[in-house]
């Protein structure tokens, strides 16, 4: 009986932790979208991400461009903010691994 209860408890804990993990990923994407919408969208349209002479060619260059422009704009974002905005842009436009 104790073994059965422990197994049930483990299953419940795993279920709860997966739910929180999914919401954490969604919150990061939501934060990236919010930062982009608040600070970048006024100068960018979707076309800016589809230009022929792209400065962004992979994940590393995407993060570098987000960092460059947040610095140029005087935003002083944390490394985490830069990653979240980069992840948002990658999910929406670039689709790099």
PDB file of N, CA and C in Angstrom:
ATOM      1  N   UNK A   1       0.816  -1.196   0.000  1.00  0.00           N
ATOM      2  CA  UNK A   1       0.000   0.000   0.000  1.00  0.00           C
ATOM      3  C   UNK A   1       0.861   1.262   0.000  1.00  0.00           C
ATOM      4  N   UNK A   2       1.920   1.253   0.799  1.00  0.00           N
ATOM      5  CA  UNK A   2       2.818   2.414   0.850  1.00  0.00           C
ATOM      6  C   UNK A   2       3.488   2.624  -0.503  1.00  0.00           C
ATOM      7  N   UNK A   3       3.896   1.534  -1.135  1.00  0.00           N
ATOM      8  CA  UNK A   3       4.533   1.624  -2.447  1.00  0.00           C
ATOM      9  C   UNK A   3       3.555   2.234  -3.461  1.00  0.00           C
ATOM     10  N   UNK A   4       2.301   1.824  -3.418  1.00  0.00           N
ATOM     11  CA  UNK A   4       1.271   2.351  -4.318  1.00  0.00           C
ATOM     12  C   UNK A   4       1.102   3.860  -4.102  1.00  0.00           C
ATOM     13  N   UNK A   5       1.055   4.281  -2.847  1.00  0.00           N
ATOM     14  CA  UNK A   5       0.894   5.711  -2.527  1.00  0.00           C
ATOM     15  C   UNK A   5       2.107   6.512  -2.995  1.00  0.00           C
ATOM     16  N   UNK A   6       3.302   5.965  -2.822  1.00  0.00           N
ATOM     17  CA  UNK A   6       4.515   6.658  -3.271  1.00  0.00           C
ATOM     18  C   UNK A   6       4.533   6.788  -4.798  1.00  0.00           C
ATOM     19  N   UNK A   7       4.118   5.746  -5.489  1.00  0.00           N
ATOM     20  CA  UNK A   7       4.046   5.813  -6.956  1.00  0.00           C
ATOM     21  C   UNK A   7       3.053   6.884  -7.403  1.00  0.00           C
ATOM     22  N   UNK A   8       1.899   6.917  -6.764  1.00  0.00           N
ATOM     23  CA  UNK A   8       0.896   7.942  -7.096  1.00  0.00           C
ATOM     24  C   UNK A   8       1.440   9.338  -6.833  1.00  0.00           C
ATOM     25  N   UNK A   9       2.119   9.515  -5.725  1.00  0.00           N
ATOM     26  CA  UNK A   9       2.694  10.808  -5.374  1.00  0.00           C
ATOM     27  C   UNK A   9       3.731  11.238  -6.405  1.00  0.00           C
ATOM     28  N   UNK A  10       4.567  10.308  -6.832  1.00  0.00           N
ATOM     29  CA  UNK A  10       5.577  10.621  -7.854  1.00  0.00           C
ATOM     30  C   UNK A  10       4.922  11.056  -9.163  1.00  0.00           C
ATOM     31  N   UNK A  11       3.870  10.362  -9.565  1.00  0.00           N
ATOM     32  CA  UNK A  11       3.167  10.711 -10.797  1.00  0.00           C
ATOM     33  C   UNK A  11       2.551  12.103 -10.683  1.00  0.00           C
ATOM     34  N   UNK A  12       1.981  12.409  -9.551  1.00  0.00           N
ATOM     35  CA  UNK A  12       1.380  13.730  -9.339  1.00  0.00           C
ATOM     36  C   UNK A  12       2.452  14.818  -9.387  1.00  0.00           C
ATOM     37  N   UNK A  13       3.570  14.580  -8.733  1.00  0.00           N
ATOM     38  CA  UNK A  13       4.657  15.568  -8.710  1.00  0.00           C
ATOM     39  C   UNK A  13       5.200  15.791 -10.118  1.00  0.00           C
ATOM     40  N   UNK A  14       5.394  14.714 -10.882  1.00  0.00           N
ATOM     41  CA  UNK A  14       5.875  14.866 -12.254  1.00  0.00           C
ATOM     42  C   UNK A  14       4.881  15.646 -13.113  1.00  0.00           C
ATOM     43  N   UNK A  15       3.609  15.370 -12.929  1.00  0.00           N
ATOM     44  CA  UNK A  15       2.586  16.101 -13.681  1.00  0.00           C
ATOM     45  C   UNK A  15       2.581  17.575 -13.360  1.00  0.00           C
ATOM     46  N   UNK A  16       2.689  17.902 -12.101  1.00  0.00           N
ATOM     47  CA  UNK A  16       2.698  19.307 -11.686  1.00  0.00           C
ATOM     48  C   UNK A  16       3.953  20.008 -12.187  1.00  0.00           C
ATOM     49  N   UNK A  17       5.111  19.361 -12.064  1.00  0.00           N
ATOM     50  CA  UNK A  17       6.352  20.004 -12.496  1.00  0.00           C
ATOM     51  C   UNK A  17       6.361  20.232 -14.001  1.00  0.00           C
ATOM     52  N   UNK A  18       5.778  19.303 -14.802  1.00  0.00           N
ATOM     53  CA  UNK A  18       5.712  19.536 -16.247  1.00  0.00           C
ATOM     54  C   UNK A  18       4.811  20.700 -16.581  1.00  0.00           C
ATOM     55  N   UNK A  19       3.725  20.851 -15.853  1.00  0.00           N
ATOM     56  CA  UNK A  19       2.827  21.983 -16.095  1.00  0.00           C
ATOM     57  C   UNK A  19       3.541  23.294 -15.824  1.00  0.00           C
ATOM     58  N   UNK A  20       4.310  23.347 -14.743  1.00  0.00           N
ATOM     59  CA  UNK A  20       5.055  24.568 -14.437  1.00  0.00           C
ATOM     60  C   UNK A  20       6.162  24.809 -15.438  1.00  0.00           C
ATOM     61  N   UNK A  21       6.814  23.760 -15.919  1.00  0.00           N
ATOM     62  CA  UNK A  21       7.878  23.918 -16.913  1.00  0.00           C
ATOM     63  C   UNK A  21       7.313  24.511 -18.195  1.00  0.00           C
ATOM     64  N   UNK A  22       6.160  24.033 -18.653  1.00  0.00           N
ATOM     65  CA  UNK A  22       5.541  24.568 -19.860  1.00  0.00           C
ATOM     66  C   UNK A  22       5.157  26.029 -19.684  1.00  0.00           C
ATOM     67  N   UNK A  23       4.622  26.392 -18.528  1.00  0.00           N
ATOM     68  CA  UNK A  23       4.226  27.778 -18.312  1.00  0.00           C
ATOM     69  C   UNK A  23       5.449  28.676 -18.235  1.00  0.00           C
ATOM     70  N   UNK A  24       6.575  28.185 -17.739  1.00  0.00           N
ATOM     71  CA  UNK A  24       7.806  28.967 -17.694  1.00  0.00           C
ATOM     72  C   UNK A  24       8.312  29.289 -19.083  1.00  0.00           C
ATOM     73  N   UNK A  25       8.268  28.310 -19.982  1.00  0.00           N
ATOM     74  CA  UNK A  25       8.697  28.548 -21.360  1.00  0.00           C
ATOM     75  C   UNK A  25       7.772  29.568 -22.025  1.00  0.00           C
ATOM     76  N   UNK A  26       6.468  29.453 -21.766  1.00  0.00           N
ATOM     77  CA  UNK A  26       5.512  30.391 -22.343  1.00  0.00           C
ATOM     78  C   UNK A  26       5.749  31.793 -21.789  1.00  0.00           C
ATOM     79  N   UNK A  27       6.060  31.898 -20.497  1.00  0.00           N
ATOM     80  CA  UNK A  27       6.318  33.208 -19.899  1.00  0.00           C
ATOM     81  C   UNK A  27       7.543  33.855 -20.520  1.00  0.00           C
ATOM     82  N   UNK A  28       8.597  33.071 -20.806  1.00  0.00           N
ATOM     83  CA  UNK A  28       9.783  33.613 -21.458  1.00  0.00           C
ATOM     84  C   UNK A  28       9.435  34.167 -22.829  1.00  0.00           C
ATOM     85  N   UNK A  29       8.658  33.406 -23.600  1.00  0.00           N
ATOM     86  CA  UNK A  29       8.252  33.861 -24.924  1.00  0.00           C
ATOM     87  C   UNK A  29       7.378  35.097 -24.804  1.00  0.00           C
ATOM     88  N   UNK A  30       6.459  35.091 -23.849  1.00  0.00           N
ATOM     89  CA  UNK A  30       5.605  36.259 -23.639  1.00  0.00           C
ATOM     90  C   UNK A  30       6.438  37.478 -23.254  1.00  0.00           C
ATOM     91  N   UNK A  31       7.437  37.295 -22.403  1.00  0.00           N
ATOM     92  CA  UNK A  31       8.299  38.411 -21.998  1.00  0.00           C
ATOM     93  C   UNK A  31       9.099  38.908 -23.193  1.00  0.00           C
ATOM     94  N   UNK A  32       9.632  37.996 -23.992  1.00  0.00           N
ATOM     95  CA  UNK A  32      10.371  38.397 -25.191  1.00  0.00           C
ATOM     96  C   UNK A  32       9.497  39.198 -26.135  1.00  0.00           C
ATOM     97  N   UNK A  33       8.250  38.744 -26.318  1.00  0.00           N
ATOM     98  CA  UNK A  33       7.304  39.461 -27.183  1.00  0.00           C
ATOM     99  C   UNK A  33       6.995  40.840 -26.608  1.00  0.00           C
ATOM    100  N   UNK A  34       6.797  40.903 -25.301  1.00  0.00           N
ATOM    101  CA  UNK A  34       6.486  42.173 -24.657  1.00  0.00           C
ATOM    102  C   UNK A  34       7.649  43.164 -24.804  1.00  0.00           C
ATOM    103  N   UNK A  35       8.873  42.699 -24.559  1.00  0.00           N
ATOM    104  CA  UNK A  35      10.033  43.579 -24.702  1.00  0.00           C
ATOM    105  C   UNK A  35      10.172  44.065 -26.139  1.00  0.00           C
ATOM    106  N   UNK A  36      10.000  43.152 -27.087  1.00  0.00           N
ATOM    107  CA  UNK A  36      10.094  43.522 -28.507  1.00  0.00           C
ATOM    108  C   UNK A  36       9.006  44.534 -28.871  1.00  0.00           C
ATOM    109  N   UNK A  37       7.778  44.260 -28.459  1.00  0.00           N
ATOM    110  CA  UNK A  37       6.670  45.170 -28.779  1.00  0.00           C
ATOM    111  C   UNK A  37       6.846  46.535 -28.125  1.00  0.00           C
ATOM    112  N   UNK A  38       7.375  46.561 -26.918  1.00  0.00           N
ATOM    113  CA  UNK A  38       7.541  47.828 -26.200  1.00  0.00           C
ATOM    114  C   UNK A  38       8.708  48.664 -26.711  1.00  0.00           C
ATOM    115  N   UNK A  39       9.766  48.007 -27.196  1.00  0.00           N
ATOM    116  CA  UNK A  39      10.991  48.755 -27.484  1.00  0.00           C
ATOM    117  C   UNK A  39      11.475  48.677 -28.930  1.00  0.00           C
ATOM    118  N   UNK A  40      10.978  47.748 -29.723  1.00  0.00           N
ATOM    119  CA  UNK A  40      11.557  47.530 -31.054  1.00  0.00           C
ATOM    120  C   UNK A  40      10.571  47.727 -32.197  1.00  0.00           C
ATOM    121  N   UNK A  41       9.316  47.399 -31.965  1.00  0.00           N
ATOM    122  CA  UNK A  41       8.334  47.341 -33.046  1.00  0.00           C
ATOM    123  C   UNK A  41       8.119  48.686 -33.731  1.00  0.00           C
ATOM    124  N   UNK A  42       8.356  49.792 -33.024  1.00  0.00           N
ATOM    125  CA  UNK A  42       8.138  51.097 -33.640  1.00  0.00           C
ATOM    126  C   UNK A  42       9.062  51.330 -34.840  1.00  0.00           C
ATOM    127  N   UNK A  43      10.216  50.677 -34.876  1.00  0.00           N
ATOM    128  CA  UNK A  43      11.135  50.825 -36.011  1.00  0.00           C
ATOM    129  C   UNK A  43      11.108  49.625 -36.946  1.00  0.00           C
ATOM    130  N   UNK A  44      10.523  48.529 -36.507  1.00  0.00           N
ATOM    131  CA  UNK A  44      10.551  47.292 -37.283  1.00  0.00           C
ATOM    132  C   UNK A  44       9.158  46.899 -37.753  1.00  0.00           C
ATOM    133  N   UNK A  45       9.118  46.441 -38.993  1.00  0.00           N
ATOM    134  CA  UNK A  45       7.932  45.758 -39.491  1.00  0.00           C
ATOM    135  C   UNK A  45       8.357  44.325 -39.725  1.00  0.00           C
ATOM    136  N   UNK A  46       7.443  43.470 -40.110  1.00  0.00           N
ATOM    137  CA  UNK A  46       7.829  42.087 -40.397  1.00  0.00           C
ATOM    138  C   UNK A  46       8.844  42.037 -41.524  1.00  0.00           C
ATOM    139  N   UNK A  47       8.796  42.990 -42.466  1.00  0.00           N
ATOM    140  CA  UNK A  47       9.708  42.968 -43.605  1.00  0.00           C
ATOM    141  C   UNK A  47      11.169  43.100 -43.193  1.00  0.00           C
ATOM    142  N   UNK A  48      11.448  43.789 -42.104  1.00  0.00           N
ATOM    143  CA  UNK A  48      12.838  43.955 -41.687  1.00  0.00           C
ATOM    144  C   UNK A  48      13.487  42.600 -41.403  1.00  0.00           C
ATOM    145  N   UNK A  49      12.696  41.618 -41.044  1.00  0.00           N
ATOM    146  CA  UNK A  49      13.234  40.300 -40.740  1.00  0.00           C
ATOM    147  C   UNK A  49      13.345  39.411 -41.977  1.00  0.00           C
ATOM    148  N   UNK A  50      12.903  39.922 -43.122  1.00  0.00           N
ATOM    149  CA  UNK A  50      12.957  39.129 -44.353  1.00  0.00           C
ATOM    150  C   UNK A  50      13.830  39.785 -45.418  1.00  0.00           C
ATOM    151  N   UNK A  51      14.666  40.736 -45.062  1.00  0.00           N
ATOM    152  CA  UNK A  51      15.492  41.438 -46.037  1.00  0.00           C
ATOM    153  C   UNK A  51      16.445  40.473 -46.745  1.00  0.00           C
ATOM    154  N   UNK A  52      16.791  40.824 -47.997  1.00  0.00           N
ATOM    155  CA  UNK A  52      17.713  39.973 -48.752  1.00  0.00           C
ATOM    156  C   UNK A  52      19.098  39.933 -48.114  1.00  0.00           C
ATOM    157  N   UNK A  53      19.630  41.076 -47.732  1.00  0.00           N
ATOM    158  CA  UNK A  53      20.970  41.119 -47.135  1.00  0.00           C
ATOM    159  C   UNK A  53      20.832  41.040 -45.622  1.00  0.00           C
ATOM    160  N   UNK A  54      20.580  39.853 -45.160  1.00  0.00           N
ATOM    161  CA  UNK A  54      20.344  39.651 -43.734  1.00  0.00           C
ATOM    162  C   UNK A  54      21.642  39.748 -42.944  1.00  0.00           C
ATOM    163  N   UNK A  55      21.561  40.413 -41.823  1.00  0.00           N
ATOM    164  CA  UNK A  55      22.660  40.393 -40.867  1.00  0.00           C
ATOM    165  C   UNK A  55      22.531  39.178 -39.960  1.00  0.00           C
ATOM    166  N   UNK A  56      21.333  38.632 -39.885  1.00  0.00           N
ATOM    167  CA  UNK A  56      21.067  37.460 -39.052  1.00  0.00           C
ATOM    168  C   UNK A  56      21.071  36.230 -39.949  1.00  0.00           C
ATOM    169  N   UNK A  57      22.012  35.330 -39.676  1.00  0.00           N
ATOM    170  CA  UNK A  57      22.133  34.117 -40.487  1.00  0.00           C
ATOM    171  C   UNK A  57      22.053  32.842 -39.659  1.00  0.00           C
ATOM    172  N   UNK A  58      22.093  32.973 -38.333  1.00  0.00           N
ATOM    173  CA  UNK A  58      22.008  31.825 -37.441  1.00  0.00           C
ATOM    174  C   UNK A  58      21.666  32.334 -36.038  1.00  0.00           C
ATOM    175  N   UNK A  59      21.526  31.407 -35.091  1.00  0.00           N
ATOM    176  CA  UNK A  59      21.152  31.774 -33.726  1.00  0.00           C
ATOM    177  C   UNK A  59      22.142  32.763 -33.120  1.00  0.00           C
ATOM    178  N   UNK A  60      23.418  32.510 -33.286  1.00  0.00           N
ATOM    179  CA  UNK A  60      24.451  33.360 -32.683  1.00  0.00           C
ATOM    180  C   UNK A  60      24.370  34.798 -33.216  1.00  0.00           C
ATOM    181  N   UNK A  61      24.177  34.938 -34.518  1.00  0.00           N
ATOM    182  CA  UNK A  61      24.080  36.290 -35.084  1.00  0.00           C
ATOM    183  C   UNK A  61      22.762  36.971 -34.700  1.00  0.00           C
ATOM    184  N   UNK A  62      21.707  36.191 -34.493  1.00  0.00           N
ATOM    185  CA  UNK A  62      20.445  36.758 -34.019  1.00  0.00           C
ATOM    186  C   UNK A  62      20.621  37.365 -32.633  1.00  0.00           C
ATOM    187  N   UNK A  63      21.227  36.615 -31.732  1.00  0.00           N
ATOM    188  CA  UNK A  63      21.479  37.119 -30.377  1.00  0.00           C
ATOM    189  C   UNK A  63      22.389  38.347 -30.444  1.00  0.00           C
ATOM    190  N   UNK A  64      23.398  38.314 -31.312  1.00  0.00           N
ATOM    191  CA  UNK A  64      24.319  39.449 -31.443  1.00  0.00           C
ATOM    192  C   UNK A  64      23.588  40.706 -31.919  1.00  0.00           C
ATOM    193  N   UNK A  65      22.663  40.564 -32.867  1.00  0.00           N
ATOM    194  CA  UNK A  65      21.925  41.729 -33.365  1.00  0.00           C
ATOM    195  C   UNK A  65      20.947  42.274 -32.327  1.00  0.00           C
ATOM    196  N   UNK A  66      20.293  41.385 -31.594  1.00  0.00           N
ATOM    197  CA  UNK A  66      19.412  41.850 -30.518  1.00  0.00           C
ATOM    198  C   UNK A  66      20.240  42.614 -29.483  1.00  0.00           C
ATOM    199  N   UNK A  67      21.389  42.073 -29.115  1.00  0.00           N
ATOM    200  CA  UNK A  67      22.273  42.731 -28.147  1.00  0.00           C
ATOM    201  C   UNK A  67      22.753  44.078 -28.695  1.00  0.00           C
ATOM    202  N   UNK A  68      23.147  44.095 -29.942  1.00  0.00           N
ATOM    203  CA  UNK A  68      23.634  45.334 -30.568  1.00  0.00           C
ATOM    204  C   UNK A  68      22.574  46.431 -30.508  1.00  0.00           C
ATOM    205  N   UNK A  69      21.349  46.093 -30.908  1.00  0.00           N
ATOM    206  CA  UNK A  69      20.320  47.114 -30.994  1.00  0.00           C
ATOM    207  C   UNK A  69      19.778  47.522 -29.638  1.00  0.00           C
ATOM    208  N   UNK A  70      19.752  46.625 -28.672  1.00  0.00           N
ATOM    209  CA  UNK A  70      19.322  47.045 -27.335  1.00  0.00           C
ATOM    210  C   UNK A  70      20.363  47.988 -26.746  1.00  0.00           C
ATOM    211  N   UNK A  71      21.633  47.721 -27.037  1.00  0.00           N
ATOM    212  CA  UNK A  71      22.706  48.596 -26.545  1.00  0.00           C
ATOM    213  C   UNK A  71      22.641  49.965 -27.240  1.00  0.00           C
ATOM    214  N   UNK A  72      22.461  49.946 -28.570  1.00  0.00           N
ATOM    215  CA  UNK A  72      22.351  51.193 -29.341  1.00  0.00           C
ATOM    216  C   UNK A  72      21.175  52.038 -28.858  1.00  0.00           C
ATOM    217  N   UNK A  73      20.109  51.371 -28.456  1.00  0.00           N
ATOM    218  CA  UNK A  73      18.905  52.063 -27.983  1.00  0.00           C
ATOM    219  C   UNK A  73      18.991  52.466 -26.517  1.00  0.00           C
ATOM    220  N   UNK A  74      20.071  52.083 -25.834  1.00  0.00           N
ATOM    221  CA  UNK A  74      20.250  52.441 -24.431  1.00  0.00           C
ATOM    222  C   UNK A  74      19.318  51.703 -23.483  1.00  0.00           C
ATOM    223  N   UNK A  75      18.929  50.484 -23.843  1.00  0.00           N
ATOM    224  CA  UNK A  75      17.947  49.766 -23.034  1.00  0.00           C
ATOM    225  C   UNK A  75      18.543  49.057 -21.813  1.00  0.00           C
ATOM    226  N   UNK A  76      19.801  48.723 -21.865  1.00  0.00           N
ATOM    227  CA  UNK A  76      20.476  48.044 -20.748  1.00  0.00           C
ATOM    228  C   UNK A  76      19.764  46.764 -20.323  1.00  0.00           C
ATOM    229  N   UNK A  77      19.375  45.923 -21.313  1.00  0.00           N
ATOM    230  CA  UNK A  77      18.730  44.649 -21.021  1.00  0.00           C
ATOM    231  C   UNK A  77      19.715  43.682 -20.403  1.00  0.00           C
ATOM    232  N   UNK A  78      19.217  42.806 -19.598  1.00  0.00           N
ATOM    233  CA  UNK A  78      20.035  41.732 -19.048  1.00  0.00           C
ATOM    234  C   UNK A  78      20.285  40.692 -20.141  1.00  0.00           C
ATOM    235  N   UNK A  79      21.229  39.802 -19.869  1.00  0.00           N
ATOM    236  CA  UNK A  79      21.498  38.702 -20.799  1.00  0.00           C
ATOM    237  C   UNK A  79      20.226  37.871 -21.004  1.00  0.00           C
ATOM    238  N   UNK A  80      19.464  37.677 -19.938  1.00  0.00           N
ATOM    239  CA  UNK A  80      18.217  36.917 -20.008  1.00  0.00           C
ATOM    240  C   UNK A  80      17.195  37.619 -20.915  1.00  0.00           C
ATOM    241  N   UNK A  81      17.081  38.941 -20.813  1.00  0.00           N
ATOM    242  CA  UNK A  81      16.167  39.695 -21.679  1.00  0.00           C
ATOM    243  C   UNK A  81      16.562  39.540 -23.147  1.00  0.00           C
ATOM    244  N   UNK A  82      17.847  39.635 -23.426  1.00  0.00           N
ATOM    245  CA  UNK A  82      18.352  39.486 -24.795  1.00  0.00           C
ATOM    246  C   UNK A  82      18.016  38.098 -25.331  1.00  0.00           C
ATOM    247  N   UNK A  83      18.221  37.079 -24.499  1.00  0.00           N
ATOM    248  CA  UNK A  83      17.900  35.699 -24.890  1.00  0.00           C
ATOM    249  C   UNK A  83      16.403  35.542 -25.155  1.00  0.00           C
ATOM    250  N   UNK A  84      15.563  36.129 -24.310  1.00  0.00           N
ATOM    251  CA  UNK A  84      14.115  35.989 -24.463  1.00  0.00           C
ATOM    252  C   UNK A  84      13.613  36.669 -25.736  1.00  0.00           C
ATOM    253  N   UNK A  85      14.122  37.855 -26.026  1.00  0.00           N
ATOM    254  CA  UNK A  85      13.727  38.542 -27.252  1.00  0.00           C
ATOM    255  C   UNK A  85      14.239  37.757 -28.461  1.00  0.00           C
ATOM    256  N   UNK A  86      15.460  37.256 -28.379  1.00  0.00           N
ATOM    257  CA  UNK A  86      16.012  36.450 -29.470  1.00  0.00           C
ATOM    258  C   UNK A  86      15.175  35.194 -29.692  1.00  0.00           C
ATOM    259  N   UNK A  87      14.779  34.542 -28.613  1.00  0.00           N
ATOM    260  CA  UNK A  87      13.947  33.339 -28.713  1.00  0.00           C
ATOM    261  C   UNK A  87      12.597  33.675 -29.356  1.00  0.00           C
ATOM    262  N   UNK A  88      12.010  34.786 -28.949  1.00  0.00           N
ATOM    263  CA  UNK A  88      10.736  35.222 -29.532  1.00  0.00           C
ATOM    264  C   UNK A  88      10.888  35.449 -31.044  1.00  0.00           C
ATOM    265  N   UNK A  89      11.924  36.187 -31.442  1.00  0.00           N
ATOM    266  CA  UNK A  89      12.143  36.455 -32.862  1.00  0.00           C
ATOM    267  C   UNK A  89      12.440  35.178 -33.635  1.00  0.00           C
ATOM    268  N   UNK A  90      13.197  34.280 -33.016  1.00  0.00           N
ATOM    269  CA  UNK A  90      13.510  33.019 -33.673  1.00  0.00           C
ATOM    270  C   UNK A  90      12.244  32.191 -33.889  1.00  0.00           C
ATOM    271  N   UNK A  91      11.396  32.138 -32.868  1.00  0.00           N
ATOM    272  CA  UNK A  91      10.145  31.380 -32.983  1.00  0.00           C
ATOM    273  C   UNK A  91       9.225  31.987 -34.039  1.00  0.00           C
ATOM    274  N   UNK A  92       9.206  33.300 -34.129  1.00  0.00           N
ATOM    275  CA  UNK A  92       8.266  33.977 -35.022  1.00  0.00           C
ATOM    276  C   UNK A  92       8.781  34.089 -36.459  1.00  0.00           C
ATOM    277  N   UNK A  93      10.079  34.345 -36.643  1.00  0.00           N
ATOM    278  CA  UNK A  93      10.593  34.660 -37.973  1.00  0.00           C
ATOM    279  C   UNK A  93      11.668  33.705 -38.508  1.00  0.00           C
ATOM    280  N   UNK A  94      12.651  33.380 -37.687  1.00  0.00           N
ATOM    281  CA  UNK A  94      13.876  32.778 -38.216  1.00  0.00           C
ATOM    282  C   UNK A  94      13.908  31.247 -38.195  1.00  0.00           C
ATOM    283  N   UNK A  95      13.478  30.655 -37.129  1.00  0.00           N
ATOM    284  CA  UNK A  95      13.413  29.198 -36.984  1.00  0.00           C
ATOM    285  C   UNK A  95      14.792  28.515 -37.054  1.00  0.00           C
ATOM    286  N   UNK A  96      15.779  29.112 -36.418  1.00  0.00           N
ATOM    287  CA  UNK A  96      17.104  28.484 -36.321  1.00  0.00           C
ATOM    288  C   UNK A  96      17.093  27.473 -35.192  1.00  0.00           C
ATOM    289  N   UNK A  97      17.943  26.441 -35.320  1.00  0.00           N
ATOM    290  CA  UNK A  97      18.014  25.448 -34.212  1.00  0.00           C
ATOM    291  C   UNK A  97      18.626  26.041 -32.959  1.00  0.00           C
TER     292      UNK A  97
END
